Amino acid sequence: MALKAVIFDLDGVICFTDEYHYLAWKAMADSIDVPFDRTINNRLRGVSRMASLEIILEKSETVFSDAEKAVLAQQKNELYKQYLLRITPDDLSKEVLDTLNVLRGNGLQLAIGSSSKNTPLILQQLGLSGFFDAVSDGNGITHSKPDPEVFGKAAGMLGLPPEVCLVVEDAVSGAEAGHRAGMRVACVGDAALAGAGDYNLDSIAELTGIVPGLM
């Protein structure tokens, strides 16, 4: 079926806050004397906050209760939100903005499909509040990627069936979620290098070349 919408992951596609995630998780891990480095951090990409915490705690000699885990996750998130306040509209690359505008100019609906509960804050800091036709994020789902829920909800918010939606992802787990949602998937970054998409791109700008052929 002809393409009607493009659903973008946020972090790693529209913007890049990986370093802020790393710094916040590192500070949290250091506070409980749990080893944490960039190799472990790479395992957290596209994973929910609590699932990320479980990965980090694999290295812990202490067994934490669910209540204690909730406190640790909140501690990390508060640190991360402080870092997010450093983001400005200047952090939105011209390549990303131009790509979004070209796709919209082609008559496509645009949406966000992100597991992050901080999606509204990030969009606000980037100057993109209200830009997308739909925003499906961690505040409205119960299962994070690779579960397809976040993309299914995005399509539902747009009033479209999944087969007319294209997902854009940088994480293999996100690409899997898109496919499980019944959508075509275009990948950039690590997911593209892994060949996880139907279309594996060197940059997001390549969308403007492949999308017209799908419409």
C-alpha atoms as a PDB file:
ATOM      1  CA  MET A   1       0.000   0.000   0.000  1.00  0.00           C
ATOM      2  CA  ALA A   2       1.099   3.571  -0.666  1.00  0.00           C
ATOM      3  CA  LEU A   3       3.032   5.258   2.123  1.00  0.00           C
ATOM      4  CA  LYS A   4       1.038   7.793   4.152  1.00  0.00           C
ATOM      5  CA  ALA A   5       3.170   8.456   7.245  1.00  0.00           C
ATOM      6  CA  VAL A   6       6.677   8.289   8.643  1.00  0.00           C
ATOM      7  CA  ILE A   7       7.148   7.474  12.340  1.00  0.00           C
ATOM      8  CA  PHE A   8      10.492   8.491  13.797  1.00  0.00           C
ATOM      9  CA  ASP A   9      12.310   7.228  16.823  1.00  0.00           C
ATOM     10  CA  LEU A  10      13.563  10.266  18.746  1.00  0.00           C
ATOM     11  CA  ASP A  11      16.944   9.704  20.332  1.00  0.00           C
ATOM     12  CA  GLY A  12      19.546   8.740  17.743  1.00  0.00           C
ATOM     13  CA  VAL A  13      17.325   9.768  14.825  1.00  0.00           C
ATOM     14  CA  ILE A  14      15.874  13.242  15.412  1.00  0.00           C
ATOM     15  CA  CYS A  15      18.399  14.184  18.098  1.00  0.00           C
ATOM     16  CA  PHE A  16      21.312  12.684  19.991  1.00  0.00           C
ATOM     17  CA  THR A  17      21.279  12.550  23.779  1.00  0.00           C
ATOM     18  CA  ASP A  18      23.284   9.337  24.209  1.00  0.00           C
ATOM     19  CA  GLU A  19      26.053  11.151  26.057  1.00  0.00           C
ATOM     20  CA  TYR A  20      23.560  12.603  28.541  1.00  0.00           C
ATOM     21  CA  HIS A  21      22.116   9.135  29.158  1.00  0.00           C
ATOM     22  CA  TYR A  22      25.612   7.775  29.707  1.00  0.00           C
ATOM     23  CA  LEU A  23      26.609  10.519  32.155  1.00  0.00           C
ATOM     24  CA  ALA A  24      23.397  10.126  34.163  1.00  0.00           C
ATOM     25  CA  TRP A  25      23.611   6.315  34.329  1.00  0.00           C
ATOM     26  CA  LYS A  26      27.324   6.550  35.212  1.00  0.00           C
ATOM     27  CA  ALA A  27      26.629   8.910  38.114  1.00  0.00           C
ATOM     28  CA  MET A  28      23.863   6.636  39.395  1.00  0.00           C
ATOM     29  CA  ALA A  29      26.019   3.520  39.079  1.00  0.00           C
ATOM     30  CA  ASP A  30      28.948   5.220  40.794  1.00  0.00           C
ATOM     31  CA  SER A  31      26.687   6.148  43.704  1.00  0.00           C
ATOM     32  CA  ILE A  32      26.069   2.447  44.438  1.00  0.00           C
ATOM     33  CA  ASP A  33      29.582   1.254  43.483  1.00  0.00           C
ATOM     34  CA  VAL A  34      28.447  -0.705  40.419  1.00  0.00           C
ATOM     35  CA  PRO A  35      30.857  -0.883  37.449  1.00  0.00           C
ATOM     36  CA  PHE A  36      29.508   0.920  34.392  1.00  0.00           C
ATOM     37  CA  ASP A  37      31.222   1.815  31.127  1.00  0.00           C
ATOM     38  CA  ARG A  38      30.413   2.661  27.538  1.00  0.00           C
ATOM     39  CA  THR A  39      30.310  -1.003  26.526  1.00  0.00           C
ATOM     40  CA  ILE A  40      27.499  -1.631  29.016  1.00  0.00           C
ATOM     41  CA  ASN A  41      25.894   1.653  27.975  1.00  0.00           C
ATOM     42  CA  ASN A  42      25.654   0.429  24.371  1.00  0.00           C
ATOM     43  CA  ARG A  43      23.408  -2.403  25.582  1.00  0.00           C
ATOM     44  CA  LEU A  44      20.875   0.166  26.809  1.00  0.00           C
ATOM     45  CA  ARG A  45      20.096   1.728  23.440  1.00  0.00           C
ATOM     46  CA  GLY A  46      16.394   1.486  22.626  1.00  0.00           C
ATOM     47  CA  VAL A  47      15.706  -0.142  26.013  1.00  0.00           C
ATOM     48  CA  SER A  48      13.287   1.200  28.640  1.00  0.00           C
ATOM     49  CA  ARG A  49      14.551   2.872  31.804  1.00  0.00           C
ATOM     50  CA  MET A  50      13.742  -0.014  34.150  1.00  0.00           C
ATOM     51  CA  ALA A  51      15.090  -2.628  31.733  1.00  0.00           C
ATOM     52  CA  SER A  52      18.272  -0.542  31.446  1.00  0.00           C
ATOM     53  CA  LEU A  53      18.573  -0.472  35.217  1.00  0.00           C
ATOM     54  CA  GLU A  54      18.297  -4.273  35.354  1.00  0.00           C
ATOM     55  CA  ILE A  55      21.168  -4.550  32.873  1.00  0.00           C
ATOM     56  CA  ILE A  56      23.327  -2.232  34.987  1.00  0.00           C
ATOM     57  CA  LEU A  57      22.504  -4.109  38.185  1.00  0.00           C
ATOM     58  CA  GLU A  58      23.796  -7.358  36.683  1.00  0.00           C
ATOM     59  CA  LYS A  59      27.180  -6.156  37.964  1.00  0.00           C
ATOM     60  CA  SER A  60      25.911  -5.416  41.462  1.00  0.00           C
ATOM     61  CA  GLU A  61      26.727  -7.565  44.466  1.00  0.00           C
ATOM     62  CA  THR A  62      23.704  -6.090  46.255  1.00  0.00           C
ATOM     63  CA  VAL A  63      20.140  -7.280  45.689  1.00  0.00           C
ATOM     64  CA  PHE A  64      17.831  -4.290  45.441  1.00  0.00           C
ATOM     65  CA  SER A  65      14.109  -4.342  46.175  1.00  0.00           C
ATOM     66  CA  ASP A  66      11.616  -3.075  43.620  1.00  0.00           C
ATOM     67  CA  ALA A  67      11.169   0.081  45.708  1.00  0.00           C
ATOM     68  CA  GLU A  68      14.918   0.677  45.782  1.00  0.00           C
ATOM     69  CA  LYS A  69      15.128   0.127  42.027  1.00  0.00           C
ATOM     70  CA  ALA A  70      12.404   2.716  41.508  1.00  0.00           C
ATOM     71  CA  VAL A  71      14.430   5.226  43.527  1.00  0.00           C
ATOM     72  CA  LEU A  72      17.579   4.494  41.508  1.00  0.00           C
ATOM     73  CA  ALA A  73      15.716   4.878  38.207  1.00  0.00           C
ATOM     74  CA  GLN A  74      14.249   8.176  39.392  1.00  0.00           C
ATOM     75  CA  GLN A  75      17.695   9.341  40.485  1.00  0.00           C
ATOM     76  CA  LYS A  76      19.053   8.671  37.013  1.00  0.00           C
ATOM     77  CA  ASN A  77      16.111  10.363  35.335  1.00  0.00           C
ATOM     78  CA  GLU A  78      16.434  13.543  37.388  1.00  0.00           C
ATOM     79  CA  LEU A  79      20.106  13.774  36.435  1.00  0.00           C
ATOM     80  CA  TYR A  80      19.246  13.132  32.792  1.00  0.00           C
ATOM     81  CA  LYS A  81      16.555  15.830  32.756  1.00  0.00           C
ATOM     82  CA  GLN A  82      19.063  18.343  34.078  1.00  0.00           C
ATOM     83  CA  TYR A  83      21.328  17.508  31.152  1.00  0.00           C
ATOM     84  CA  LEU A  84      18.406  17.809  28.730  1.00  0.00           C
ATOM     85  CA  LEU A  85      17.948  21.428  29.734  1.00  0.00           C
ATOM     86  CA  ARG A  86      21.196  22.115  27.886  1.00  0.00           C
ATOM     87  CA  ILE A  87      19.501  21.249  24.577  1.00  0.00           C
ATOM     88  CA  THR A  88      18.465  24.163  22.362  1.00  0.00           C
ATOM     89  CA  PRO A  89      16.901  24.399  18.879  1.00  0.00           C
ATOM     90  CA  ASP A  90      20.466  24.767  17.587  1.00  0.00           C
ATOM     91  CA  ASP A  91      20.937  21.069  18.448  1.00  0.00           C
ATOM     92  CA  LEU A  92      18.424  20.140  15.739  1.00  0.00           C
ATOM     93  CA  SER A  93      20.574  19.564  12.678  1.00  0.00           C
ATOM     94  CA  LYS A  94      19.773  21.235   9.380  1.00  0.00           C
ATOM     95  CA  GLU A  95      19.820  17.791   7.746  1.00  0.00           C
ATOM     96  CA  VAL A  96      17.082  16.497  10.045  1.00  0.00           C
ATOM     97  CA  LEU A  97      14.942  19.626   9.760  1.00  0.00           C
ATOM     98  CA  ASP A  98      15.273  19.758   5.974  1.00  0.00           C
ATOM     99  CA  THR A  99      14.337  16.072   5.734  1.00  0.00           C
ATOM    100  CA  LEU A 100      11.250  16.558   7.896  1.00  0.00           C
ATOM    101  CA  ASN A 101      10.135  19.535   5.835  1.00  0.00           C
ATOM    102  CA  VAL A 102      10.628  17.703   2.526  1.00  0.00           C
ATOM    103  CA  LEU A 103       8.603  14.716   3.736  1.00  0.00           C
ATOM    104  CA  ARG A 104       5.819  16.970   4.982  1.00  0.00           C
ATOM    105  CA  GLY A 105       5.921  18.833   1.688  1.00  0.00           C
ATOM    106  CA  ASN A 106       5.262  15.492  -0.015  1.00  0.00           C
ATOM    107  CA  GLY A 107       1.999  15.258   1.924  1.00  0.00           C
ATOM    108  CA  LEU A 108       3.107  12.688   4.478  1.00  0.00           C
ATOM    109  CA  GLN A 109       2.024  12.696   8.101  1.00  0.00           C
ATOM    110  CA  LEU A 110       4.914  12.704  10.574  1.00  0.00           C
ATOM    111  CA  ALA A 111       4.962  11.120  14.028  1.00  0.00           C
ATOM    112  CA  ILE A 112       7.273  10.236  16.887  1.00  0.00           C
ATOM    113  CA  GLY A 113       7.466   6.697  18.285  1.00  0.00           C
ATOM    114  CA  SER A 114       9.791   6.729  21.294  1.00  0.00           C
ATOM    115  CA  SER A 115      10.009   4.682  24.481  1.00  0.00           C
ATOM    116  CA  SER A 116      11.314   7.736  26.347  1.00  0.00           C
ATOM    117  CA  LYS A 117       9.077   9.368  28.933  1.00  0.00           C
ATOM    118  CA  ASN A 118      11.131  12.530  28.424  1.00  0.00           C
ATOM    119  CA  THR A 119       9.961  12.928  24.828  1.00  0.00           C
ATOM    120  CA  PRO A 120       7.828  16.050  25.532  1.00  0.00           C
ATOM    121  CA  LEU A 121      10.761  17.801  27.239  1.00  0.00           C
ATOM    122  CA  ILE A 122      13.189  16.926  24.439  1.00  0.00           C
ATOM    123  CA  LEU A 123      10.787  18.138  21.744  1.00  0.00           C
ATOM    124  CA  GLN A 124      10.221  21.330  23.709  1.00  0.00           C
ATOM    125  CA  GLN A 125      13.955  21.966  24.034  1.00  0.00           C
ATOM    126  CA  LEU A 126      14.435  21.362  20.299  1.00  0.00           C
ATOM    127  CA  GLY A 127      11.630  23.762  19.410  1.00  0.00           C
ATOM    128  CA  LEU A 128       9.512  20.936  17.986  1.00  0.00           C
ATOM    129  CA  SER A 129       6.554  20.994  20.377  1.00  0.00           C
ATOM    130  CA  GLY A 130       3.441  20.677  18.227  1.00  0.00           C
ATOM    131  CA  PHE A 131       5.429  19.961  15.058  1.00  0.00           C
ATOM    132  CA  PHE A 132       4.503  16.294  14.698  1.00  0.00           C
ATOM    133  CA  ASP A 133       1.026  15.053  13.820  1.00  0.00           C
ATOM    134  CA  ALA A 134       1.236  12.449  16.599  1.00  0.00           C
ATOM    135  CA  VAL A 135       3.588  11.679  19.484  1.00  0.00           C
ATOM    136  CA  SER A 136       3.563   8.177  20.943  1.00  0.00           C
ATOM    137  CA  ASP A 137       6.028   7.864  23.807  1.00  0.00           C
ATOM    138  CA  GLY A 138       6.901   6.137  27.051  1.00  0.00           C
ATOM    139  CA  ASN A 139       4.162   8.012  28.896  1.00  0.00           C
ATOM    140  CA  GLY A 140       1.464   6.132  27.009  1.00  0.00           C
ATOM    141  CA  ILE A 141       2.770   2.580  26.697  1.00  0.00           C
ATOM    142  CA  THR A 142       3.229  -0.380  29.012  1.00  0.00           C
ATOM    143  CA  HIS A 143       5.780  -2.295  26.899  1.00  0.00           C
ATOM    144  CA  SER A 144       8.956  -0.827  25.445  1.00  0.00           C
ATOM    145  CA  LYS A 145      10.720  -1.833  22.238  1.00  0.00           C
ATOM    146  CA  PRO A 146      11.133  -4.425  20.772  1.00  0.00           C
ATOM    147  CA  ASP A 147       7.442  -4.675  21.653  1.00  0.00           C
ATOM    148  CA  PRO A 148       5.523  -2.970  18.807  1.00  0.00           C
ATOM    149  CA  GLU A 149       3.124  -1.092  21.099  1.00  0.00           C
ATOM    150  CA  VAL A 150       4.649   2.374  20.697  1.00  0.00           C
ATOM    151  CA  PHE A 151       4.454   2.228  16.894  1.00  0.00           C
ATOM    152  CA  GLY A 152       0.998   0.695  16.882  1.00  0.00           C
ATOM    153  CA  LYS A 153      -0.236   3.542  19.074  1.00  0.00           C
ATOM    154  CA  ALA A 154       1.385   6.110  16.783  1.00  0.00           C
ATOM    155  CA  ALA A 155      -0.435   4.680  13.758  1.00  0.00           C
ATOM    156  CA  GLY A 156      -3.668   4.644  15.732  1.00  0.00           C
ATOM    157  CA  MET A 157      -3.215   8.302  16.678  1.00  0.00           C
ATOM    158  CA  LEU A 158      -2.759   9.102  12.989  1.00  0.00           C
ATOM    159  CA  GLY A 159      -5.817   7.032  12.091  1.00  0.00           C
ATOM    160  CA  LEU A 160      -3.799   4.874   9.707  1.00  0.00           C
ATOM    161  CA  PRO A 161      -3.211   1.130   9.259  1.00  0.00           C
ATOM    162  CA  PRO A 162       0.364  -0.028   9.933  1.00  0.00           C
ATOM    163  CA  GLU A 163       1.071  -1.073   6.359  1.00  0.00           C
ATOM    164  CA  VAL A 164       1.044   2.565   5.157  1.00  0.00           C
ATOM    165  CA  CYS A 165       3.576   3.661   7.808  1.00  0.00           C
ATOM    166  CA  LEU A 166       7.362   3.721   7.602  1.00  0.00           C
ATOM    167  CA  VAL A 167       9.373   3.567  10.831  1.00  0.00           C
ATOM    168  CA  VAL A 168      12.782   5.262  11.066  1.00  0.00           C
ATOM    169  CA  GLU A 169      15.059   3.733  13.705  1.00  0.00           C
ATOM    170  CA  ASP A 170      18.696   3.619  14.800  1.00  0.00           C
ATOM    171  CA  ALA A 171      18.403   0.672  17.219  1.00  0.00           C
ATOM    172  CA  VAL A 172      17.993  -2.983  16.282  1.00  0.00           C
ATOM    173  CA  SER A 173      15.331  -3.386  18.980  1.00  0.00           C
ATOM    174  CA  GLY A 174      13.419  -0.485  17.454  1.00  0.00           C
ATOM    175  CA  ALA A 175      13.654  -1.965  13.969  1.00  0.00           C
ATOM    176  CA  GLU A 176      12.282  -5.231  15.348  1.00  0.00           C
ATOM    177  CA  ALA A 177       9.430  -3.314  16.982  1.00  0.00           C
ATOM    178  CA  GLY A 178       8.585  -1.640  13.678  1.00  0.00           C
ATOM    179  CA  HIS A 179       8.497  -4.934  11.824  1.00  0.00           C
ATOM    180  CA  ARG A 180       6.417  -6.551  14.570  1.00  0.00           C
ATOM    181  CA  ALA A 181       3.974  -3.650  14.217  1.00  0.00           C
ATOM    182  CA  GLY A 182       3.550  -4.593  10.550  1.00  0.00           C
ATOM    183  CA  MET A 183       5.421  -1.570   9.216  1.00  0.00           C
ATOM    184  CA  ARG A 184       8.287  -1.084   6.823  1.00  0.00           C
ATOM    185  CA  VAL A 185      11.468   0.088   8.516  1.00  0.00           C
ATOM    186  CA  ALA A 186      14.262   2.422   7.436  1.00  0.00           C
ATOM    187  CA  CYS A 187      17.385   2.277   9.581  1.00  0.00           C
ATOM    188  CA  VAL A 188      20.260   4.626  10.259  1.00  0.00           C
ATOM    189  CA  GLY A 189      23.257   4.275  12.571  1.00  0.00           C
ATOM    190  CA  ASP A 190      23.883   0.973  14.340  1.00  0.00           C
ATOM    191  CA  ALA A 191      20.671  -0.616  13.084  1.00  0.00           C
ATOM    192  CA  ALA A 192      21.612   0.183   9.484  1.00  0.00           C
ATOM    193  CA  LEU A 193      25.074  -1.301  10.011  1.00  0.00           C
ATOM    194  CA  ALA A 194      23.383  -4.449  11.316  1.00  0.00           C
ATOM    195  CA  GLY A 195      21.146  -4.586   8.233  1.00  0.00           C
ATOM    196  CA  ALA A 196      18.047  -4.507  10.437  1.00  0.00           C
ATOM    197  CA  GLY A 197      15.867  -2.427   8.125  1.00  0.00           C
ATOM    198  CA  ASP A 198      14.066  -2.834   4.836  1.00  0.00           C
ATOM    199  CA  TYR A 199      16.090   0.227   3.893  1.00  0.00           C
ATOM    200  CA  ASN A 200      19.501   0.724   5.510  1.00  0.00           C
ATOM    201  CA  LEU A 201      20.666   4.298   5.109  1.00  0.00           C
ATOM    202  CA  ASP A 202      23.913   6.173   5.566  1.00  0.00           C
ATOM    203  CA  SER A 203      21.997   9.251   6.707  1.00  0.00           C
ATOM    204  CA  ILE A 204      18.451  10.384   7.422  1.00  0.00           C
ATOM    205  CA  ALA A 205      18.599  12.648   4.350  1.00  0.00           C
ATOM    206  CA  GLU A 206      18.422   9.549   2.139  1.00  0.00           C
ATOM    207  CA  LEU A 207      14.763   9.243   3.146  1.00  0.00           C
ATOM    208  CA  THR A 208      13.929  12.010   0.699  1.00  0.00           C
ATOM    209  CA  GLY A 209      15.203   9.779  -2.107  1.00  0.00           C
ATOM    210  CA  ILE A 210      13.423   6.550  -1.195  1.00  0.00           C
ATOM    211  CA  VAL A 211      10.096   7.859   0.109  1.00  0.00           C
ATOM    212  CA  PRO A 212       8.669   9.182  -3.195  1.00  0.00           C
ATOM    213  CA  GLY A 213       8.969   5.672  -4.655  1.00  0.00           C
ATOM    214  CA  LEU A 214       6.854   4.309  -1.799  1.00  0.00           C
ATOM    215  CA  MET A 215       3.985   6.773  -2.213  1.00  0.00           C
END
